[in-house]
PDB file of N, CA and C in Angstrom:
ATOM      1  N   MET A   1      65.096 131.258  34.996  1.00  0.00           N
ATOM      2  CA  MET A   1      65.808 131.212  36.513  1.00  0.00           C
ATOM      3  C   MET A   1      66.191 131.981  37.267  1.00  0.00           C
ATOM      4  N   GLU A   2      65.620 131.101  38.715  1.00  0.00           N
ATOM      5  CA  GLU A   2      66.591 132.664  39.909  1.00  0.00           C
ATOM      6  C   GLU A   2      66.761 131.815  40.537  1.00  0.00           C
ATOM      7  N   THR A   3      68.154 132.085  40.619  1.00  0.00           N
ATOM      8  CA  THR A   3      68.782 131.487  42.002  1.00  0.00           C
ATOM      9  C   THR A   3      69.194 132.215  43.310  1.00  0.00           C
ATOM     10  N   GLN A   4      68.507 131.217  44.336  1.00  0.00           N
ATOM     11  CA  GLN A   4      68.324 131.279  45.546  1.00  0.00           C
ATOM     12  C   GLN A   4      69.951 131.243  46.081  1.00  0.00           C
ATOM     13  N   PRO A   5      70.408 132.159  47.246  1.00  0.00           N
ATOM     14  CA  PRO A   5      71.394 131.561  48.059  1.00  0.00           C
ATOM     15  C   PRO A   5      71.267 130.469  49.035  1.00  0.00           C
ATOM     16  N   ASP A   6      72.255 130.027  49.450  1.00  0.00           N
ATOM     17  CA  ASP A   6      72.262 128.824  50.641  1.00  0.00           C
ATOM     18  C   ASP A   6      71.762 129.311  51.961  1.00  0.00           C
ATOM     19  N   GLY A   7      72.254 130.386  52.116  1.00  0.00           N
ATOM     20  CA  GLY A   7      71.656 131.327  53.380  1.00  0.00           C
ATOM     21  C   GLY A   7      71.511 132.288  53.522  1.00  0.00           C
ATOM     22  N   PRO A   8      71.237 132.604  54.967  1.00  0.00           N
ATOM     23  CA  PRO A   8      71.069 134.317  54.725  1.00  0.00           C
ATOM     24  C   PRO A   8      72.434 134.893  54.292  1.00  0.00           C
ATOM     25  N   VAL A   9      72.138 136.062  53.531  1.00  0.00           N
ATOM     26  CA  VAL A   9      72.448 136.946  52.782  1.00  0.00           C
ATOM     27  C   VAL A   9      73.944 137.903  53.797  1.00  0.00           C
ATOM     28  N   GLN A  10      75.158 137.464  53.814  1.00  0.00           N
ATOM     29  CA  GLN A  10      75.687 138.797  54.566  1.00  0.00           C
ATOM     30  C   GLN A  10      75.930 139.705  54.124  1.00  0.00           C
ATOM     31  N   ARG A  11      75.954 141.309  54.560  1.00  0.00           N
ATOM     32  CA  ARG A  11      76.085 142.446  54.243  1.00  0.00           C
ATOM     33  C   ARG A  11      77.097 143.140  54.902  1.00  0.00           C
ATOM     34  N   PRO A  12      78.072 143.039  53.963  1.00  0.00           N
ATOM     35  CA  PRO A  12      79.060 144.398  54.246  1.00  0.00           C
ATOM     36  C   PRO A  12      79.303 145.366  55.702  1.00  0.00           C
ATOM     37  N   THR A  13      79.699 145.312  56.818  1.00  0.00           N
ATOM     38  CA  THR A  13      79.634 146.432  57.901  1.00  0.00           C
ATOM     39  C   THR A  13      80.579 147.056  58.030  1.00  0.00           C
ATOM     40  N   THR A  14      80.884 148.173  58.608  1.00  0.00           N
ATOM     41  CA  THR A  14      81.705 148.868  58.544  1.00  0.00           C
ATOM     42  C   THR A  14      82.577 148.707  60.207  1.00  0.00           C
ATOM     43  N   ASP A  15      83.804 149.022  59.843  1.00  0.00           N
ATOM     44  CA  ASP A  15      84.678 148.638  61.434  1.00  0.00           C
ATOM     45  C   ASP A  15      84.300 150.132  62.393  1.00  0.00           C
ATOM     46  N   ALA A  16      83.791 150.938  62.024  1.00  0.00           N
ATOM     47  CA  ALA A  16      83.671 152.029  63.580  1.00  0.00           C
ATOM     48  C   ALA A  16      82.065 151.436  64.658  1.00  0.00           C
ATOM     49  N   PRO A  17      82.605 151.380  65.587  1.00  0.00           N
ATOM     50  CA  PRO A  17      82.031 150.414  66.591  1.00  0.00           C
ATOM     51  C   PRO A  17      80.920 151.631  67.007  1.00  0.00           C
ATOM     52  N   ALA A  18      79.665 151.050  67.679  1.00  0.00           N
ATOM     53  CA  ALA A  18      78.765 151.874  67.717  1.00  0.00           C
ATOM     54  C   ALA A  18      78.950 153.040  69.165  1.00  0.00           C
ATOM     55  N   SER A  19      78.661 153.987  69.427  1.00  0.00           N
ATOM     56  CA  SER A  19      79.094 154.766  70.402  1.00  0.00           C
ATOM     57  C   SER A  19      79.431 154.199  71.573  1.00  0.00           C
ATOM     58  N   GLY A  20      78.063 153.051  72.004  1.00  0.00           N
ATOM     59  CA  GLY A  20      77.878 153.295  73.333  1.00  0.00           C
ATOM     60  C   GLY A  20      78.792 151.806  73.481  1.00  0.00           C
ATOM     61  N   ASP A  21      79.019 150.840  71.922  1.00  0.00           N
ATOM     62  CA  ASP A  21      79.376 149.882  72.608  1.00  0.00           C
ATOM     63  C   ASP A  21      81.475 149.607  73.060  1.00  0.00           C
ATOM     64  N   TRP A  22      81.949 150.891  72.414  1.00  0.00           N
ATOM     65  CA  TRP A  22      83.249 151.143  72.461  1.00  0.00           C
ATOM     66  C   TRP A  22      83.843 150.513  73.959  1.00  0.00           C
ATOM     67  N   PRO A  23      83.659 150.632  75.133  1.00  0.00           N
ATOM     68  CA  PRO A  23      84.245 150.277  76.237  1.00  0.00           C
ATOM     69  C   PRO A  23      83.779 148.967  76.398  1.00  0.00           C
ATOM     70  N   ALA A  24      82.788 148.618  76.122  1.00  0.00           N
ATOM     71  CA  ALA A  24      83.132 146.722  76.405  1.00  0.00           C
ATOM     72  C   ALA A  24      84.007 146.270  75.474  1.00  0.00           C
ATOM     73  N   ARG A  25      84.011 146.966  73.987  1.00  0.00           N
ATOM     74  CA  ARG A  25      85.645 146.140  72.968  1.00  0.00           C
ATOM     75  C   ARG A  25      86.588 146.822  73.487  1.00  0.00           C
ATOM     76  N   ALA A  26      86.701 147.957  74.311  1.00  0.00           N
ATOM     77  CA  ALA A  26      88.451 148.191  75.671  1.00  0.00           C
ATOM     78  C   ALA A  26      88.254 147.035  76.009  1.00  0.00           C
ATOM     79  N   ALA A  27      87.383 147.229  76.761  1.00  0.00           N
ATOM     80  CA  ALA A  27      87.083 146.239  78.043  1.00  0.00           C
ATOM     81  C   ALA A  27      87.836 144.478  78.187  1.00  0.00           C
ATOM     82  N   ASP A  28      87.313 144.277  76.644  1.00  0.00           N
ATOM     83  CA  ASP A  28      87.348 142.764  75.799  1.00  0.00           C
ATOM     84  C   ASP A  28      88.933 142.978  75.735  1.00  0.00           C
ATOM     85  N   LEU A  29      89.113 144.019  75.210  1.00  0.00           N
ATOM     86  CA  LEU A  29      90.841 143.819  74.840  1.00  0.00           C
ATOM     87  C   LEU A  29      91.947 144.053  75.298  1.00  0.00           C
ATOM     88  N   VAL A  30      90.974 144.514  76.882  1.00  0.00           N
ATOM     89  CA  VAL A  30      92.542 144.668  77.931  1.00  0.00           C
ATOM     90  C   VAL A  30      92.418 142.889  78.721  1.00  0.00           C
ATOM     91  N   ASP A  31      91.261 142.706  78.477  1.00  0.00           N
ATOM     92  CA  ASP A  31      90.862 141.534  79.341  1.00  0.00           C
ATOM     93  C   ASP A  31      91.652 140.142  78.518  1.00  0.00           C
ATOM     94  N   SER A  32      91.523 140.258  77.161  1.00  0.00           N
ATOM     95  CA  SER A  32      92.156 139.635  76.401  1.00  0.00           C
ATOM     96  C   SER A  32      94.219 139.357  76.789  1.00  0.00           C
ATOM     97  N   GLY A  33      93.995 140.780  76.649  1.00  0.00           N
ATOM     98  CA  GLY A  33      96.042 141.053  76.907  1.00  0.00           C
ATOM     99  C   GLY A  33      96.484 140.507  77.750  1.00  0.00           C
ATOM    100  N   VAL A  34      95.579 140.648  79.018  1.00  0.00           N
ATOM    101  CA  VAL A  34      95.968 140.305  80.214  1.00  0.00           C
ATOM    102  C   VAL A  34      96.082 138.713  80.200  1.00  0.00           C
ATOM    103  N   SER A  35      94.975 137.770  79.543  1.00  0.00           N
ATOM    104  CA  SER A  35      95.158 136.407  79.668  1.00  0.00           C
ATOM    105  C   SER A  35      96.557 136.057  78.936  1.00  0.00           C
ATOM    106  N   LEU A  36      96.336 136.910  77.632  1.00  0.00           N
ATOM    107  CA  LEU A  36      97.232 136.124  77.188  1.00  0.00           C
ATOM    108  C   LEU A  36      98.746 136.031  77.594  1.00  0.00           C
ATOM    109  N   LEU A  37      99.174 137.106  78.284  1.00  0.00           N
ATOM    110  CA  LEU A  37     100.025 137.666  79.085  1.00  0.00           C
ATOM    111  C   LEU A  37     100.358 135.970  80.337  1.00  0.00           C
ATOM    112  N   ARG A  38      99.252 136.438  80.897  1.00  0.00           N
ATOM    113  CA  ARG A  38      99.513 135.272  82.082  1.00  0.00           C
ATOM    114  C   ARG A  38      99.655 134.072  81.623  1.00  0.00           C
ATOM    115  N   ASP A  39      99.304 133.582  80.411  1.00  0.00           N
ATOM    116  CA  ASP A  39      99.102 132.049  79.615  1.00  0.00           C
ATOM    117  C   ASP A  39     101.113 131.961  79.305  1.00  0.00           C
ATOM    118  N   LYS A  40     100.971 133.248  78.610  1.00  0.00           N
ATOM    119  CA  LYS A  40     102.769 133.445  78.319  1.00  0.00           C
ATOM    120  C   LYS A  40     103.752 133.176  79.579  1.00  0.00           C
ATOM    121  N   THR A  41     103.676 133.756  80.255  1.00  0.00           N
ATOM    122  CA  THR A  41     104.395 134.140  81.545  1.00  0.00           C
ATOM    123  C   THR A  41     104.589 133.617  82.698  1.00  0.00           C
ATOM    124  N   VAL A  42     102.975 133.966  83.428  1.00  0.00           N
ATOM    125  CA  VAL A  42     102.689 133.545  85.107  1.00  0.00           C
ATOM    126  C   VAL A  42     102.684 132.029  85.215  1.00  0.00           C
ATOM    127  N   ARG A  43     102.002 130.928  84.145  1.00  0.00           N
ATOM    128  CA  ARG A  43     101.854 130.002  83.908  1.00  0.00           C
ATOM    129  C   ARG A  43     103.038 129.377  84.041  1.00  0.00           C
ATOM    130  N   PRO A  44     104.062 129.764  83.233  1.00  0.00           N
ATOM    131  CA  PRO A  44     105.294 128.577  83.046  1.00  0.00           C
ATOM    132  C   PRO A  44     105.796 128.454  84.146  1.00  0.00           C
ATOM    133  N   LEU A  45     106.357 130.339  84.840  1.00  0.00           N
ATOM    134  CA  LEU A  45     107.239 130.005  86.084  1.00  0.00           C
ATOM    135  C   LEU A  45     106.367 129.748  87.150  1.00  0.00           C
ATOM    136  N   ALA A  46     104.947 129.805  87.505  1.00  0.00           N
ATOM    137  CA  ALA A  46     104.770 128.801  88.691  1.00  0.00           C
ATOM    138  C   ALA A  46     104.771 127.622  88.343  1.00  0.00           C
ATOM    139  N   LEU A  47     104.745 127.338  87.096  1.00  0.00           N
ATOM    140  CA  LEU A  47     105.215 125.622  86.618  1.00  0.00           C
ATOM    141  C   LEU A  47     106.759 125.203  87.193  1.00  0.00           C
ATOM    142  N   ALA A  48     107.532 126.226  86.693  1.00  0.00           N
ATOM    143  CA  ALA A  48     108.943 126.209  86.785  1.00  0.00           C
ATOM    144  C   ALA A  48     109.323 126.049  88.294  1.00  0.00           C
ATOM    145  N   ALA A  49     108.318 126.685  89.386  1.00  0.00           N
ATOM    146  CA  ALA A  49     108.560 127.058  90.798  1.00  0.00           C
ATOM    147  C   ALA A  49     108.350 125.735  91.380  1.00  0.00           C
ATOM    148  N   ARG A  50     107.048 125.301  90.821  1.00  0.00           N
ATOM    149  CA  ARG A  50     106.387 124.081  91.632  1.00  0.00           C
ATOM    150  C   ARG A  50     107.343 122.987  91.179  1.00  0.00           C
ATOM    151  N   VAL A  51     108.205 122.593  90.030  1.00  0.00           N
ATOM    152  CA  VAL A  51     109.069 121.493  89.684  1.00  0.00           C
ATOM    153  C   VAL A  51     110.124 121.604  90.376  1.00  0.00           C
ATOM    154  N   ILE A  52     110.787 123.134  90.708  1.00  0.00           N
ATOM    155  CA  ILE A  52     112.165 123.348  91.993  1.00  0.00           C
ATOM    156  C   ILE A  52     111.637 123.101  93.373  1.00  0.00           C
ATOM    157  N   VAL A  53     110.520 123.256  93.730  1.00  0.00           N
ATOM    158  CA  VAL A  53     110.087 123.188  95.200  1.00  0.00           C
ATOM    159  C   VAL A  53     110.104 121.320  95.573  1.00  0.00           C
ATOM    160  N   PHE A  54     109.177 121.118  94.787  1.00  0.00           N
ATOM    161  CA  PHE A  54     109.023 119.601  94.557  1.00  0.00           C
ATOM    162  C   PHE A  54     110.373 118.653  94.578  1.00  0.00           C
ATOM    163  N   GLY A  55     111.273 119.201  93.573  1.00  0.00           N
ATOM    164  CA  GLY A  55     112.432 118.312  93.570  1.00  0.00           C
ATOM    165  C   GLY A  55     113.440 118.911  95.103  1.00  0.00           C
ATOM    166  N   VAL A  56     113.700 120.054  95.520  1.00  0.00           N
ATOM    167  CA  VAL A  56     114.026 119.965  96.781  1.00  0.00           C
ATOM    168  C   VAL A  56     113.757 119.378  97.517  1.00  0.00           C
ATOM    169  N   LEU A  57     112.334 119.037  97.860  1.00  0.00           N
ATOM    170  CA  LEU A  57     111.748 117.641  98.428  1.00  0.00           C
ATOM    171  C   LEU A  57     111.851 116.655  98.464  1.00  0.00           C
ATOM    172  N   VAL A  58     111.866 116.348  97.142  1.00  0.00           N
ATOM    173  CA  VAL A  58     112.233 114.930  97.102  1.00  0.00           C
ATOM    174  C   VAL A  58     113.947 114.303  97.074  1.00  0.00           C
ATOM    175  N   PHE A  59     114.544 115.525  96.667  1.00  0.00           N
ATOM    176  CA  PHE A  59     115.761 115.213  97.343  1.00  0.00           C
ATOM    177  C   PHE A  59     116.602 114.894  99.121  1.00  0.00           C
ATOM    178  N   ALA A  60     115.777 116.240  99.366  1.00  0.00           N
ATOM    179  CA  ALA A  60     115.990 116.103 101.142  1.00  0.00           C
ATOM    180  C   ALA A  60     114.838 114.430 101.637  1.00  0.00           C
ATOM    181  N   ALA A  61     113.890 114.168 101.285  1.00  0.00           N
ATOM    182  CA  ALA A  61     113.714 112.932 101.446  1.00  0.00           C
ATOM    183  C   ALA A  61     114.390 111.664 101.210  1.00  0.00           C
ATOM    184  N   ALA A  62     115.034 112.204 100.277  1.00  0.00           N
ATOM    185  CA  ALA A  62     116.232 111.366  99.553  1.00  0.00           C
ATOM    186  C   ALA A  62     117.267 111.129 100.557  1.00  0.00           C
ATOM    187  N   LEU A  63     117.748 111.803 100.388  1.00  0.00           N
ATOM    188  CA  LEU A  63     119.126 112.235 101.069  1.00  0.00           C
ATOM    189  C   LEU A  63     118.893 112.267 102.754  1.00  0.00           C
ATOM    190  N   VAL A  64     117.947 111.879 103.782  1.00  0.00           N
ATOM    191  CA  VAL A  64     117.068 111.687 104.901  1.00  0.00           C
ATOM    192  C   VAL A  64     116.896 110.148 105.345  1.00  0.00           C
ATOM    193  N   THR A  65     116.596 109.482 104.070  1.00  0.00           N
ATOM    194  CA  THR A  65     116.367 108.101 103.478  1.00  0.00           C
ATOM    195  C   THR A  65     117.566 107.466 103.699  1.00  0.00           C
ATOM    196  N   VAL A  66     118.545 107.706 103.049  1.00  0.00           N
ATOM    197  CA  VAL A  66     119.737 107.509 103.059  1.00  0.00           C
ATOM    198  C   VAL A  66     120.745 107.462 104.370  1.00  0.00           C
ATOM    199  N   VAL A  67     120.659 108.506 104.543  1.00  0.00           N
ATOM    200  CA  VAL A  67     120.926 108.586 105.866  1.00  0.00           C
ATOM    201  C   VAL A  67     121.075 107.737 107.480  1.00  0.00           C
ATOM    202  N   LEU A  68     119.798 107.238 107.142  1.00  0.00           N
ATOM    203  CA  LEU A  68     118.826 107.282 108.330  1.00  0.00           C
ATOM    204  C   LEU A  68     118.798 105.556 107.834  1.00  0.00           C
ATOM    205  N   LEU A  69     118.889 104.643 106.430  1.00  0.00           N
ATOM    206  CA  LEU A  69     119.268 103.514 106.212  1.00  0.00           C
ATOM    207  C   LEU A  69     120.380 103.108 106.538  1.00  0.00           C
ATOM    208  N   SER A  70     121.637 103.954 106.233  1.00  0.00           N
ATOM    209  CA  SER A  70     123.335 103.688 106.483  1.00  0.00           C
ATOM    210  C   SER A  70     123.449 103.501 108.224  1.00  0.00           C
ATOM    211  N   ILE A  71     122.603 104.570 108.598  1.00  0.00           N
ATOM    212  CA  ILE A  71     122.717 104.301 110.005  1.00  0.00           C
ATOM    213  C   ILE A  71     122.328 102.842 110.632  1.00  0.00           C
ATOM    214  N   ALA A  72     121.475 102.526 110.133  1.00  0.00           N
ATOM    215  CA  ALA A  72     120.702 101.452 110.670  1.00  0.00           C
ATOM    216  C   ALA A  72     121.668  99.861 109.746  1.00  0.00           C
ATOM    217  N   LEU A  73     121.766  99.951 109.051  1.00  0.00           N
ATOM    218  CA  LEU A  73     122.792  99.097 108.604  1.00  0.00           C
ATOM    219  C   LEU A  73     123.935  98.702 109.763  1.00  0.00           C
ATOM    220  N   ILE A  74     124.680 100.209 109.858  1.00  0.00           N
ATOM    221  CA  ILE A  74     125.800  99.630 110.515  1.00  0.00           C
ATOM    222  C   ILE A  74     125.269  99.285 112.237  1.00  0.00           C
ATOM    223  N   ARG A  75     124.514  99.682 112.755  1.00  0.00           N
ATOM    224  CA  ARG A  75     123.778  99.192 113.988  1.00  0.00           C
ATOM    225  C   ARG A  75     123.488  97.847 113.548  1.00  0.00           C
ATOM    226  N   LEU A  76     122.894  97.496 112.316  1.00  0.00           N
ATOM    227  CA  LEU A  76     122.726  95.761 112.580  1.00  0.00           C
ATOM    228  C   LEU A  76     124.069  95.223 112.555  1.00  0.00           C
ATOM    229  N   LEU A  77     124.635  95.777 111.746  1.00  0.00           N
ATOM    230  CA  LEU A  77     126.259  94.775 111.721  1.00  0.00           C
ATOM    231  C   LEU A  77     126.944  94.646 112.403  1.00  0.00           C
ATOM    232  N   THR A  78     126.961  96.129 113.395  1.00  0.00           N
ATOM    233  CA  THR A  78     127.557  96.283 114.841  1.00  0.00           C
ATOM    234  C   THR A  78     126.995  94.993 115.524  1.00  0.00           C
ATOM    235  N   VAL A  79     125.822  94.552 115.591  1.00  0.00           N
ATOM    236  CA  VAL A  79     125.349  93.930 117.024  1.00  0.00           C
ATOM    237  C   VAL A  79     124.911  92.818 116.453  1.00  0.00           C
ATOM    238  N   TYR A  80     125.114  92.537 115.387  1.00  0.00           N
ATOM    239  CA  TYR A  80     124.161  91.151 114.787  1.00  0.00           C
ATOM    240  C   TYR A  80     125.612  90.628 114.518  1.00  0.00           C
ATOM    241  N   VAL A  81     126.089  90.917 113.057  1.00  0.00           N
ATOM    242  CA  VAL A  81     127.554  90.180 112.553  1.00  0.00           C
ATOM    243  C   VAL A  81     128.582  90.255 113.227  1.00  0.00           C
ATOM    244  N   PHE A  82     129.364  92.029 113.562  1.00  0.00           N
ATOM    245  CA  PHE A  82     130.588  91.659 113.667  1.00  0.00           C
ATOM    246  C   PHE A  82     130.758  92.090 115.444  1.00  0.00           C
ATOM    247  N   ASP A  83     129.447  91.655 116.226  1.00  0.00           N
ATOM    248  CA  ASP A  83     129.795  91.587 117.578  1.00  0.00           C
ATOM    249  C   ASP A  83     130.248  92.387 118.434  1.00  0.00           C
ATOM    250  N   GLY A  84     129.899  93.524 118.084  1.00  0.00           N
ATOM    251  CA  GLY A  84     130.842  94.878 119.030  1.00  0.00           C
ATOM    252  C   GLY A  84     131.584  95.362 118.372  1.00  0.00           C
ATOM    253  N   ARG A  85     132.305  95.526 117.085  1.00  0.00           N
ATOM    254  CA  ARG A  85     133.127  95.862 116.297  1.00  0.00           C
ATOM    255  C   ARG A  85     132.600  96.503 114.971  1.00  0.00           C
ATOM    256  N   VAL A  86     132.870  98.283 115.792  1.00  0.00           N
ATOM    257  CA  VAL A  86     131.714  99.189 115.217  1.00  0.00           C
ATOM    258  C   VAL A  86     133.004  99.052 113.903  1.00  0.00           C
ATOM    259  N   TRP A  87     134.061  99.410 114.199  1.00  0.00           N
ATOM    260  CA  TRP A  87     135.057  99.524 112.887  1.00  0.00           C
ATOM    261  C   TRP A  87     135.121  98.826 111.577  1.00  0.00           C
ATOM    262  N   ALA A  88     134.360  97.266 111.843  1.00  0.00           N
ATOM    263  CA  ALA A  88     134.503  96.395 110.769  1.00  0.00           C
ATOM    264  C   ALA A  88     132.985  96.770 109.790  1.00  0.00           C
ATOM    265  N   ALA A  89     132.149  97.598 110.629  1.00  0.00           N
ATOM    266  CA  ALA A  89     130.932  97.845 110.092  1.00  0.00           C
ATOM    267  C   ALA A  89     130.733  99.156 109.411  1.00  0.00           C
ATOM    268  N   ASP A  90     132.058 100.220 110.470  1.00  0.00           N
ATOM    269  CA  ASP A  90     131.977 100.902 109.822  1.00  0.00           C
ATOM    270  C   ASP A  90     132.708 100.915 107.641  1.00  0.00           C
ATOM    271  N   LEU A  91     134.148  99.991 107.911  1.00  0.00           N
ATOM    272  CA  LEU A  91     134.923  99.739 107.098  1.00  0.00           C
ATOM    273  C   LEU A  91     133.570  99.009 105.667  1.00  0.00           C
ATOM    274  N   LEU A  92     132.843  97.927 106.233  1.00  0.00           N
ATOM    275  CA  LEU A  92     131.950  97.226 105.377  1.00  0.00           C
ATOM    276  C   LEU A  92     130.986  98.374 104.280  1.00  0.00           C
ATOM    277  N   VAL A  93     130.503  99.344 105.497  1.00  0.00           N
ATOM    278  CA  VAL A  93     129.256 100.573 104.700  1.00  0.00           C
ATOM    279  C   VAL A  93     130.515 100.915 103.686  1.00  0.00           C
ATOM    280  N   GLY A  94     131.690 101.629 104.475  1.00  0.00           N
ATOM    281  CA  GLY A  94     131.964 102.340 103.382  1.00  0.00           C
ATOM    282  C   GLY A  94     132.863 102.109 102.475  1.00  0.00           C
ATOM    283  N   ALA A  95     133.264 100.497 102.158  1.00  0.00           N
ATOM    284  CA  ALA A  95     133.308  99.805 100.759  1.00  0.00           C
ATOM    285  C   ALA A  95     131.866  99.672  99.945  1.00  0.00           C
ATOM    286  N   ILE A  96     131.422  99.421 100.378  1.00  0.00           N
ATOM    287  CA  ILE A  96     129.503  99.258 100.190  1.00  0.00           C
ATOM    288  C   ILE A  96     129.213 100.542  99.358  1.00  0.00           C
ATOM    289  N   PHE A  97     129.572 101.874  99.656  1.00  0.00           N
ATOM    290  CA  PHE A  97     129.591 103.436  99.549  1.00  0.00           C
ATOM    291  C   PHE A  97     130.426 104.053  98.396  1.00  0.00           C
ATOM    292  N   VAL A  98     131.864 103.300  98.613  1.00  0.00           N
ATOM    293  CA  VAL A  98     133.000 103.405  97.739  1.00  0.00           C
ATOM    294  C   VAL A  98     132.450 102.260  96.480  1.00  0.00           C
ATOM    295  N   ALA A  99     132.018 101.381  96.395  1.00  0.00           N
ATOM    296  CA  ALA A  99     131.981 100.408  95.304  1.00  0.00           C
ATOM    297  C   ALA A  99     130.487 101.816  94.422  1.00  0.00           C
ATOM    298  N   ILE A 100     129.296 101.624  95.326  1.00  0.00           N
ATOM    299  CA  ILE A 100     128.656 102.542  94.483  1.00  0.00           C
ATOM    300  C   ILE A 100     129.331 103.507  93.975  1.00  0.00           C
ATOM    301  N   GLY A 101     129.583 104.557  94.517  1.00  0.00           N
ATOM    302  CA  GLY A 101     130.732 105.710  93.448  1.00  0.00           C
ATOM    303  C   GLY A 101     131.139 105.557  92.861  1.00  0.00           C
ATOM    304  N   LEU A 102     132.346 104.069  93.000  1.00  0.00           N
ATOM    305  CA  LEU A 102     132.783 103.580  91.510  1.00  0.00           C
ATOM    306  C   LEU A 102     131.851 102.913  90.192  1.00  0.00           C
ATOM    307  N   VAL A 103     131.035 102.919  90.857  1.00  0.00           N
ATOM    308  CA  VAL A 103     130.317 102.605  89.572  1.00  0.00           C
ATOM    309  C   VAL A 103     129.437 103.603  88.366  1.00  0.00           C
ATOM    310  N   ALA A 104     129.296 104.500  89.753  1.00  0.00           N
ATOM    311  CA  ALA A 104     128.499 105.962  89.162  1.00  0.00           C
ATOM    312  C   ALA A 104     129.288 106.471  88.021  1.00  0.00           C
ATOM    313  N   TRP A 105     130.591 106.603  88.674  1.00  0.00           N
ATOM    314  CA  TRP A 105     131.850 107.284  88.150  1.00  0.00           C
ATOM    315  C   TRP A 105     131.870 106.470  86.766  1.00  0.00           C
ATOM    316  N   SER A 106     132.210 105.002  86.810  1.00  0.00           N
ATOM    317  CA  SER A 106     131.970 104.661  85.453  1.00  0.00           C
ATOM    318  C   SER A 106     131.182 104.726  84.256  1.00  0.00           C
ATOM    319  N   GLN A 107     130.026 105.079  84.705  1.00  0.00           N
ATOM    320  CA  GLN A 107     128.733 105.373  83.766  1.00  0.00           C
ATOM    321  C   GLN A 107     128.874 107.091  82.827  1.00  0.00           C
ATOM    322  N   ARG A 108     129.832 107.520  84.011  1.00  0.00           N
ATOM    323  CA  ARG A 108     129.581 109.168  83.534  1.00  0.00           C
ATOM    324  C   ARG A 108     130.032 109.012  81.978  1.00  0.00           C
ATOM    325  N   THR A 109     129.299 110.295  81.342  1.00  0.00           N
ATOM    326  CA  THR A 109     129.835 110.603  80.054  1.00  0.00           C
ATOM    327  C   THR A 109     130.504 111.061  80.319  1.00  0.00           C
ATOM    328  N   THR A 110     131.421 111.742  78.991  1.00  0.00           N
ATOM    329  CA  THR A 110     132.391 112.851  78.540  1.00  0.00           C
ATOM    330  C   THR A 110     132.019 114.148  77.946  1.00  0.00           C
ATOM    331  N   ARG A 111     132.221 115.324  77.602  1.00  0.00           N
ATOM    332  CA  ARG A 111     131.788 116.451  76.743  1.00  0.00           C
ATOM    333  C   ARG A 111     132.455 116.619  76.550  1.00  0.00           C
ATOM    334  N   ALA A 112     132.624 117.204  75.014  1.00  0.00           N
ATOM    335  CA  ALA A 112     132.922 117.432  73.810  1.00  0.00           C
ATOM    336  C   ALA A 112     133.769 118.099  74.259  1.00  0.00           C
ATOM    337  N   PRO A 113     134.931 118.672  73.995  1.00  0.00           N
ATOM    338  CA  PRO A 113     135.626 119.974  73.738  1.00  0.00           C
ATOM    339  C   PRO A 113     135.387 121.183  73.195  1.00  0.00           C
ATOM    340  N   LYS A 114     135.051 122.380  73.206  1.00  0.00           N
ATOM    341  CA  LYS A 114     134.430 123.444  72.822  1.00  0.00           C
ATOM    342  C   LYS A 114     135.351 123.691  71.746  1.00  0.00           C
ATOM    343  N   ALA A 115     134.534 124.343  70.630  1.00  0.00           N
ATOM    344  CA  ALA A 115     135.022 124.481  69.095  1.00  0.00           C
ATOM    345  C   ALA A 115     136.503 125.556  69.562  1.00  0.00           C
ATOM    346  N   GLY A 116     136.534 126.508  70.541  1.00  0.00           N
ATOM    347  CA  GLY A 116     137.695 127.698  70.627  1.00  0.00           C
ATOM    348  C   GLY A 116     138.986 127.396  71.837  1.00  0.00           C
ATOM    349  N   ALA A 117     138.524 126.440  72.389  1.00  0.00           N
ATOM    350  CA  ALA A 117     139.307 125.520  73.796  1.00  0.00           C
ATOM    351  C   ALA A 117     140.556 125.143  73.000  1.00  0.00           C
ATOM    352  N   ALA A 118     141.646 125.784  73.818  1.00  0.00           N
ATOM    353  CA  ALA A 118     142.850 125.015  73.767  1.00  0.00           C
ATOM    354  C   ALA A 118     143.247 123.828  74.136  1.00  0.00           C
ATOM    355  N   ARG A 119     143.680 123.324  73.635  1.00  0.00           N
ATOM    356  CA  ARG A 119     144.133 121.423  74.526  1.00  0.00           C
ATOM    357  C   ARG A 119     145.369 121.962  75.264  1.00  0.00           C
ATOM    358  N   GLN A 120     145.911 121.408  76.630  1.00  0.00           N
ATOM    359  CA  GLN A 120     147.124 121.096  77.380  1.00  0.00           C
ATOM    360  C   GLN A 120     147.455 119.838  77.075  1.00  0.00           C
TER     361      GLN A 120
END
């Protein structure tokens, strides 16, 4: 009874490249090294730069929106509620901002003291 292999027989080969193949293998090795370097360094840096730029843009847009809305609120209160008394509109809007600040202050968390820090 003769046994037949299931697939083609693989012959062991030597690792020595053919004389005309080593430039292509060297180019492939350099290409894979550059791709690996790009994947590990350039892409994360590009992502971090993109996050920073978009974060600055969103912060600037939010700041402009808050300033314009507070100006509009003061104008509306001055004209329609307080009959030309700007100080009353300023007082009310300032009180609103102080209340928002107090709520934000009460929501803060305290940091745990560092192990080597001296207590006073």
